């Protein structure tokens, strides 16, 4: 099962706008979970009520560390307007982490990964039989 990081705008001019950004990220995270092929890591949910509890650089460093442990990043609409999401996209590029802006492309990649995993499993079983 793959791990997909959800990136997009978080900050807003007020708490309402922040909450709307979190909700958009949650909707995509749920869609990812519902594929049954991946788990979604949604940093919006991790720090939802933490505004001002620590300096921004701590949140940025922490979310980049979470991203480094993922197989892919999904970039929400409007990600380009977010300094944080742009940094996450750049980190994904540096780390050769698969990046997606369209859900259909993510689904296609997940299907390809499942197919490759199935082929690898069949190969391992064949190899194991040959060891006997």
C-alpha atoms as a PDB file:
ATOM      1  CA  UNK A   1       0.000   0.000   0.000  1.00  0.00           C
ATOM      2  CA  UNK A   2       1.361   3.416  -0.973  1.00  0.00           C
ATOM      3  CA  UNK A   3       1.482   6.536   1.209  1.00  0.00           C
ATOM      4  CA  UNK A   4       0.300   9.753  -0.462  1.00  0.00           C
ATOM      5  CA  UNK A   5       1.021  13.175   1.023  1.00  0.00           C
ATOM      6  CA  UNK A   6      -1.695  15.792   0.477  1.00  0.00           C
ATOM      7  CA  UNK A   7      -0.308  19.285  -0.198  1.00  0.00           C
ATOM      8  CA  UNK A   8      -2.127  22.546  -0.673  1.00  0.00           C
ATOM      9  CA  UNK A   9      -2.929  25.883   0.887  1.00  0.00           C
ATOM     10  CA  UNK A  10      -3.298  25.886   4.665  1.00  0.00           C
ATOM     11  CA  UNK A  11      -3.006  29.471   5.855  1.00  0.00           C
ATOM     12  CA  UNK A  12      -5.795  31.973   5.387  1.00  0.00           C
ATOM     13  CA  UNK A  13      -6.789  35.481   6.333  1.00  0.00           C
ATOM     14  CA  UNK A  14      -8.897  34.136   9.222  1.00  0.00           C
ATOM     15  CA  UNK A  15      -9.835  30.885  10.973  1.00  0.00           C
ATOM     16  CA  UNK A  16     -12.740  30.314   8.571  1.00  0.00           C
ATOM     17  CA  UNK A  17     -10.473  30.361   5.525  1.00  0.00           C
ATOM     18  CA  UNK A  18      -7.991  28.041   7.249  1.00  0.00           C
ATOM     19  CA  UNK A  19     -10.827  25.637   8.050  1.00  0.00           C
ATOM     20  CA  UNK A  20     -11.996  25.666   4.426  1.00  0.00           C
ATOM     21  CA  UNK A  21      -8.446  24.804   3.299  1.00  0.00           C
ATOM     22  CA  UNK A  22      -8.327  21.952   5.818  1.00  0.00           C
ATOM     23  CA  UNK A  23     -11.691  20.644   4.642  1.00  0.00           C
ATOM     24  CA  UNK A  24     -10.585  20.604   0.997  1.00  0.00           C
ATOM     25  CA  UNK A  25      -7.494  18.632   1.980  1.00  0.00           C
ATOM     26  CA  UNK A  26      -9.578  16.221   4.072  1.00  0.00           C
ATOM     27  CA  UNK A  27     -11.923  15.550   1.145  1.00  0.00           C
ATOM     28  CA  UNK A  28      -9.027  14.491  -1.062  1.00  0.00           C
ATOM     29  CA  UNK A  29      -7.422  12.496   1.757  1.00  0.00           C
ATOM     30  CA  UNK A  30     -10.650  10.546   2.189  1.00  0.00           C
ATOM     31  CA  UNK A  31     -10.834   9.860  -1.555  1.00  0.00           C
ATOM     32  CA  UNK A  32      -7.285   8.495  -1.404  1.00  0.00           C
ATOM     33  CA  UNK A  33      -8.084   6.240   1.554  1.00  0.00           C
ATOM     34  CA  UNK A  34     -11.222   4.983  -0.194  1.00  0.00           C
ATOM     35  CA  UNK A  35      -9.176   3.680  -3.135  1.00  0.00           C
ATOM     36  CA  UNK A  36      -8.009   0.865  -0.881  1.00  0.00           C
ATOM     37  CA  UNK A  37      -4.625   1.189  -2.584  1.00  0.00           C
ATOM     38  CA  UNK A  38      -3.093   4.000  -0.544  1.00  0.00           C
ATOM     39  CA  UNK A  39      -3.176   5.800   2.749  1.00  0.00           C
ATOM     40  CA  UNK A  40      -3.282   9.584   2.806  1.00  0.00           C
ATOM     41  CA  UNK A  41      -1.047  11.664   4.986  1.00  0.00           C
ATOM     42  CA  UNK A  42      -2.815  15.000   5.417  1.00  0.00           C
ATOM     43  CA  UNK A  43      -0.642  17.480   7.354  1.00  0.00           C
ATOM     44  CA  UNK A  44      -3.527  19.968   7.391  1.00  0.00           C
ATOM     45  CA  UNK A  45      -5.230  17.703   9.916  1.00  0.00           C
ATOM     46  CA  UNK A  46      -2.083  17.195  11.979  1.00  0.00           C
ATOM     47  CA  UNK A  47      -1.680  20.884  12.841  1.00  0.00           C
ATOM     48  CA  UNK A  48      -5.237  22.158  12.412  1.00  0.00           C
ATOM     49  CA  UNK A  49      -5.473  23.905  15.806  1.00  0.00           C
ATOM     50  CA  UNK A  50      -1.807  24.646  16.423  1.00  0.00           C
ATOM     51  CA  UNK A  51      -1.659  28.239  15.098  1.00  0.00           C
ATOM     52  CA  UNK A  52       0.891  30.166  17.139  1.00  0.00           C
ATOM     53  CA  UNK A  53       1.814  27.200  19.369  1.00  0.00           C
ATOM     54  CA  UNK A  54       5.304  27.005  17.856  1.00  0.00           C
ATOM     55  CA  UNK A  55       7.287  28.917  15.236  1.00  0.00           C
ATOM     56  CA  UNK A  56       6.342  28.270  11.595  1.00  0.00           C
ATOM     57  CA  UNK A  57       9.758  26.804  10.797  1.00  0.00           C
ATOM     58  CA  UNK A  58       9.014  23.880  13.127  1.00  0.00           C
ATOM     59  CA  UNK A  59       5.803  23.043  11.245  1.00  0.00           C
ATOM     60  CA  UNK A  60       7.539  23.408   7.888  1.00  0.00           C
ATOM     61  CA  UNK A  61      10.479  21.196   8.886  1.00  0.00           C
ATOM     62  CA  UNK A  62       8.126  18.613  10.349  1.00  0.00           C
ATOM     63  CA  UNK A  63       5.840  18.405   7.353  1.00  0.00           C
ATOM     64  CA  UNK A  64       8.806  18.134   4.991  1.00  0.00           C
ATOM     65  CA  UNK A  65      10.061  15.205   7.068  1.00  0.00           C
ATOM     66  CA  UNK A  66       6.661  13.531   6.753  1.00  0.00           C
ATOM     67  CA  UNK A  67       6.739  14.097   2.988  1.00  0.00           C
ATOM     68  CA  UNK A  68      10.159  12.452   2.688  1.00  0.00           C
ATOM     69  CA  UNK A  69       8.632   9.221   3.984  1.00  0.00           C
ATOM     70  CA  UNK A  70       5.878   9.139   1.339  1.00  0.00           C
ATOM     71  CA  UNK A  71       5.640   7.458  -2.042  1.00  0.00           C
ATOM     72  CA  UNK A  72       3.735  10.285  -3.725  1.00  0.00           C
ATOM     73  CA  UNK A  73       2.404  13.785  -3.252  1.00  0.00           C
ATOM     74  CA  UNK A  74      -1.012  14.983  -4.350  1.00  0.00           C
ATOM     75  CA  UNK A  75      -1.131  18.721  -5.046  1.00  0.00           C
ATOM     76  CA  UNK A  76      -4.508  20.295  -4.343  1.00  0.00           C
ATOM     77  CA  UNK A  77      -5.999  22.939  -6.619  1.00  0.00           C
ATOM     78  CA  UNK A  78      -4.425  26.279  -5.760  1.00  0.00           C
ATOM     79  CA  UNK A  79      -1.234  24.695  -4.422  1.00  0.00           C
ATOM     80  CA  UNK A  80       0.855  27.089  -6.485  1.00  0.00           C
ATOM     81  CA  UNK A  81      -0.432  30.020  -4.370  1.00  0.00           C
ATOM     82  CA  UNK A  82       0.896  28.430  -1.175  1.00  0.00           C
ATOM     83  CA  UNK A  83       4.516  29.020  -0.193  1.00  0.00           C
ATOM     84  CA  UNK A  84       4.445  25.847   1.898  1.00  0.00           C
ATOM     85  CA  UNK A  85       2.948  23.677  -0.849  1.00  0.00           C
ATOM     86  CA  UNK A  86       5.460  25.026  -3.360  1.00  0.00           C
ATOM     87  CA  UNK A  87       8.250  24.031  -0.966  1.00  0.00           C
ATOM     88  CA  UNK A  88       6.707  20.578  -0.587  1.00  0.00           C
ATOM     89  CA  UNK A  89       6.469  20.198  -4.357  1.00  0.00           C
ATOM     90  CA  UNK A  90      10.127  21.203  -4.717  1.00  0.00           C
ATOM     91  CA  UNK A  91      11.160  18.718  -2.018  1.00  0.00           C
ATOM     92  CA  UNK A  92       9.176  15.991  -3.791  1.00  0.00           C
ATOM     93  CA  UNK A  93      11.010  16.807  -7.026  1.00  0.00           C
ATOM     94  CA  UNK A  94      14.390  16.696  -5.271  1.00  0.00           C
ATOM     95  CA  UNK A  95      13.529  13.331  -3.717  1.00  0.00           C
ATOM     96  CA  UNK A  96      12.025  11.874  -6.915  1.00  0.00           C
ATOM     97  CA  UNK A  97       8.681  11.444  -5.169  1.00  0.00           C
ATOM     98  CA  UNK A  98       5.830  10.997  -7.646  1.00  0.00           C
ATOM     99  CA  UNK A  99       3.696  14.155  -7.897  1.00  0.00           C
ATOM    100  CA  UNK A 100       0.085  14.378  -9.049  1.00  0.00           C
ATOM    101  CA  UNK A 101      -2.349  17.231  -9.595  1.00  0.00           C
ATOM    102  CA  UNK A 102      -5.154  15.148 -11.106  1.00  0.00           C
ATOM    103  CA  UNK A 103      -6.888  12.374  -9.221  1.00  0.00           C
ATOM    104  CA  UNK A 104      -7.215  10.232 -12.364  1.00  0.00           C
ATOM    105  CA  UNK A 105      -3.431  10.317 -12.785  1.00  0.00           C
ATOM    106  CA  UNK A 106      -2.962   9.238  -9.173  1.00  0.00           C
ATOM    107  CA  UNK A 107      -5.420   6.363  -9.667  1.00  0.00           C
ATOM    108  CA  UNK A 108      -3.631   5.235 -12.831  1.00  0.00           C
ATOM    109  CA  UNK A 109      -0.289   5.241 -10.971  1.00  0.00           C
ATOM    110  CA  UNK A 110      -1.771   3.289  -8.055  1.00  0.00           C
ATOM    111  CA  UNK A 111      -3.128   0.698 -10.503  1.00  0.00           C
ATOM    112  CA  UNK A 112       0.293   0.413 -12.150  1.00  0.00           C
ATOM    113  CA  UNK A 113       1.901  -0.054  -8.739  1.00  0.00           C
ATOM    114  CA  UNK A 114      -0.608  -2.773  -7.844  1.00  0.00           C
ATOM    115  CA  UNK A 115       0.084  -4.542 -11.123  1.00  0.00           C
ATOM    116  CA  UNK A 116       3.847  -4.345 -10.586  1.00  0.00           C
ATOM    117  CA  UNK A 117       3.441  -5.634  -7.021  1.00  0.00           C
ATOM    118  CA  UNK A 118       1.348  -8.563  -8.287  1.00  0.00           C
ATOM    119  CA  UNK A 119       3.958  -9.409 -10.911  1.00  0.00           C
ATOM    120  CA  UNK A 120       6.728  -9.253  -8.299  1.00  0.00           C
ATOM    121  CA  UNK A 121       4.744 -11.497  -5.958  1.00  0.00           C
ATOM    122  CA  UNK A 122       4.194 -14.069  -8.725  1.00  0.00           C
ATOM    123  CA  UNK A 123       7.919 -13.968  -9.546  1.00  0.00           C
ATOM    124  CA  UNK A 124       8.831 -14.539  -5.883  1.00  0.00           C
ATOM    125  CA  UNK A 125       6.454 -17.492  -5.667  1.00  0.00           C
ATOM    126  CA  UNK A 126       7.991 -18.998  -8.815  1.00  0.00           C
ATOM    127  CA  UNK A 127      11.464 -18.490  -7.386  1.00  0.00           C
ATOM    128  CA  UNK A 128      10.458 -20.079  -4.102  1.00  0.00           C
ATOM    129  CA  UNK A 129       9.096 -23.154  -5.899  1.00  0.00           C
ATOM    130  CA  UNK A 130      12.379 -23.460  -7.787  1.00  0.00           C
ATOM    131  CA  UNK A 131      14.315 -23.515  -4.486  1.00  0.00           C
ATOM    132  CA  UNK A 132      12.716 -26.769  -3.385  1.00  0.00           C
END
